[in-house]
Amino acid sequence: MSEILVNKLTGKTAAGNVTITDGSVTMKLQDGVIKFWTAYDAQTQTTDGSLNQSSLTDQQTGIFYSSFTNSFGSATDKCSVGGAYNTTSNTSPIAGSGRAGLHVSVGAGTGTFRAISAGEVQYGCYEGASSNTNGDVVDAKGVYMTVTGDLA
């Protein structure tokens, strides 16, 4: 097995064009790299870790937005994926999380809606509904968001 030790990769024909091949598929290396992530504890309102996040605003219960240190090249040409740790105490699930699980919604549909932007992402954490209770936004112990796409 060979090992390459480098501090920087630069494309030969264009500085930002470093390609990799996996089997028969060739792609730009930077296309598969996460450009933003955050791990947020909504219970204590602390960011446990992040990349490319200049600030995180806790708008209301279960609704947040993160501003990027370096903006994306487009408000819409990016992919956001989120998840949540469905507990409030590290020992028991959030009430209702067993009904439909928790999901993170980009461009949260409750409270103050923020327009889709190249400079930030808004997301919400929800619990499921049952036959006698509506689903609702919740502050989970762990709220996680990642974004891929081209930076400006």
Protein backbone atom coordinates (compact mmCIF):
# COMPACT_ATOMS: atom_id res chain seq x y z
CA MET A 1 0.00 0.00 0.00
CA SER A 2 1.24 3.49 -0.86
CA GLU A 3 0.87 6.58 1.26
CA ILE A 4 0.76 10.19 0.05
CA LEU A 5 1.64 12.87 2.59
CA VAL A 6 0.63 16.38 1.51
CA ASN A 7 -0.61 19.59 3.09
CA LYS A 8 -2.43 20.87 0.02
CA LEU A 9 -3.99 19.49 -3.18
CA THR A 10 -4.28 21.79 -6.19
CA GLY A 11 -5.79 20.84 -9.55
CA LYS A 12 -3.35 20.74 -12.48
CA THR A 13 -5.58 22.52 -15.03
CA ALA A 14 -7.63 24.56 -12.54
CA ALA A 15 -6.81 25.14 -8.87
CA GLY A 16 -10.26 24.05 -7.63
CA ASN A 17 -10.54 21.02 -9.91
CA VAL A 18 -9.15 17.97 -8.09
CA THR A 19 -10.80 14.79 -9.35
CA ILE A 20 -11.03 11.33 -7.85
CA THR A 21 -12.10 8.08 -9.46
CA ASP A 22 -14.05 5.38 -7.64
CA GLY A 23 -14.52 2.39 -9.93
CA SER A 24 -15.78 3.84 -13.20
CA VAL A 25 -17.07 7.09 -11.67
CA THR A 26 -14.93 10.23 -11.73
CA MET A 27 -15.99 13.28 -9.71
CA LYS A 28 -14.62 16.50 -8.31
CA LEU A 29 -13.26 15.91 -4.81
CA GLN A 30 -14.83 19.08 -3.40
CA ASP A 31 -18.33 18.01 -4.54
CA GLY A 32 -18.43 15.27 -1.91
CA VAL A 33 -17.13 17.31 1.03
CA ILE A 34 -19.42 18.66 3.74
CA LYS A 35 -19.08 22.46 3.75
CA PHE A 36 -21.11 23.14 6.92
CA TRP A 37 -22.12 21.15 9.98
CA THR A 38 -23.28 21.86 13.49
CA ALA A 39 -24.07 19.82 16.59
CA TYR A 40 -26.41 21.86 18.78
CA ASP A 41 -27.78 21.05 22.24
CA ALA A 42 -31.10 22.88 22.26
CA GLN A 43 -31.65 22.01 25.94
CA THR A 44 -28.61 23.96 27.14
CA GLN A 45 -28.47 26.23 24.07
CA THR A 46 -24.84 25.35 23.37
CA THR A 47 -23.07 24.43 20.16
CA ASP A 48 -21.09 21.24 20.80
CA GLY A 49 -19.14 21.55 17.54
CA SER A 50 -19.37 23.16 14.11
CA LEU A 51 -17.67 23.87 10.79
CA ASN A 52 -18.22 27.07 8.77
CA GLN A 53 -20.74 28.43 11.29
CA SER A 54 -20.39 32.08 12.27
CA SER A 55 -23.45 32.04 14.55
CA LEU A 56 -26.46 29.96 15.58
CA THR A 57 -29.73 31.61 16.59
CA ASP A 58 -32.30 29.73 18.67
CA GLN A 59 -35.46 31.47 17.41
CA GLN A 60 -37.98 29.61 19.58
CA THR A 61 -38.61 26.10 20.87
CA GLY A 62 -37.40 23.71 18.16
CA ILE A 63 -36.61 26.37 15.51
CA PHE A 64 -33.04 27.47 14.75
CA TYR A 65 -30.93 29.04 12.06
CA SER A 66 -27.21 29.00 11.45
CA SER A 67 -25.28 31.67 9.55
CA PHE A 68 -22.31 30.54 7.48
CA THR A 69 -18.82 31.97 7.85
CA ASN A 70 -18.37 31.41 4.09
CA SER A 71 -21.58 31.60 2.04
CA PHE A 72 -22.64 29.07 -0.55
CA GLY A 73 -22.63 29.99 -4.23
CA SER A 74 -26.42 29.63 -4.46
CA ALA A 75 -29.43 29.78 -2.16
CA THR A 76 -30.95 26.68 -3.74
CA ASP A 77 -28.11 24.59 -5.26
CA LYS A 78 -27.08 22.82 -2.06
CA CYS A 79 -28.15 19.78 -0.09
CA SER A 80 -29.07 19.94 3.60
CA VAL A 81 -29.40 16.88 5.82
CA GLY A 82 -30.29 16.90 9.50
CA GLY A 83 -31.08 14.65 12.40
CA ALA A 84 -31.84 14.78 16.09
CA TYR A 85 -31.00 12.81 19.22
CA ASN A 86 -34.49 12.14 20.53
CA THR A 87 -34.01 12.79 24.22
CA THR A 88 -34.24 15.72 26.58
CA SER A 89 -32.36 14.09 29.45
CA ASN A 90 -29.88 11.62 27.85
CA THR A 91 -31.90 8.82 29.44
CA SER A 92 -35.48 8.94 28.16
CA PRO A 93 -37.04 9.71 24.78
CA ILE A 94 -38.88 12.92 24.09
CA ALA A 95 -42.61 12.42 24.56
CA GLY A 96 -44.05 11.71 21.14
CA SER A 97 -40.79 10.77 19.44
CA GLY A 98 -41.91 7.15 19.30
CA ARG A 99 -45.02 8.12 17.33
CA ALA A 100 -43.24 9.31 14.20
CA GLY A 101 -39.65 9.97 15.21
CA LEU A 102 -37.91 13.28 15.00
CA HIS A 103 -36.96 14.98 11.80
CA VAL A 104 -35.22 18.18 10.89
CA SER A 105 -36.98 20.42 8.39
CA VAL A 106 -34.97 22.95 6.40
CA GLY A 107 -36.91 26.20 6.15
CA ALA A 108 -38.90 25.58 9.31
CA GLY A 109 -42.65 25.78 8.81
CA THR A 110 -43.61 27.40 12.10
CA GLY A 111 -42.72 30.65 13.82
CA THR A 112 -40.69 33.22 11.91
CA PHE A 113 -39.92 31.78 8.48
CA ARG A 114 -36.62 32.89 6.97
CA ALA A 115 -36.20 32.97 3.21
CA ILE A 116 -33.86 30.39 1.69
CA SER A 117 -30.42 31.98 1.53
CA ALA A 118 -26.85 31.29 0.42
CA GLY A 119 -25.68 32.72 3.77
CA GLU A 120 -27.70 30.67 6.28
CA VAL A 121 -29.91 27.64 6.86
CA GLN A 122 -33.05 27.51 9.02
CA TYR A 123 -34.15 24.19 10.50
CA GLY A 124 -36.65 22.82 12.97
CA CYS A 125 -36.90 19.73 15.15
CA TYR A 126 -40.33 18.05 15.33
CA GLU A 127 -42.04 15.23 17.21
CA GLY A 128 -44.75 13.09 15.69
CA ALA A 129 -48.53 13.34 16.18
CA SER A 130 -50.87 10.73 17.58
CA SER A 131 -54.64 10.22 17.39
CA ASN A 132 -55.19 12.60 20.30
CA THR A 133 -52.24 15.03 20.16
CA ASN A 134 -50.73 17.12 17.43
CA GLY A 135 -47.05 16.92 16.56
CA ASP A 136 -45.00 19.91 17.60
CA VAL A 137 -41.54 21.44 17.59
CA VAL A 138 -39.21 20.33 20.39
CA ASP A 139 -35.82 21.23 21.84
CA ALA A 140 -33.79 18.02 21.54
CA LYS A 141 -30.54 17.27 23.34
CA GLY A 142 -28.79 16.92 19.99
CA VAL A 143 -29.80 18.70 16.78
CA TYR A 144 -27.47 18.04 13.85
CA MET A 145 -27.36 19.76 10.46
CA THR A 146 -24.99 19.34 7.50
CA VAL A 147 -24.90 21.14 4.15
CA THR A 148 -23.04 20.24 0.96
CA GLY A 149 -22.70 22.31 -2.20
CA ASP A 150 -20.35 24.82 -3.76
CA LEU A 151 -19.13 27.74 -1.68
CA ALA A 152 -19.09 31.22 -3.23
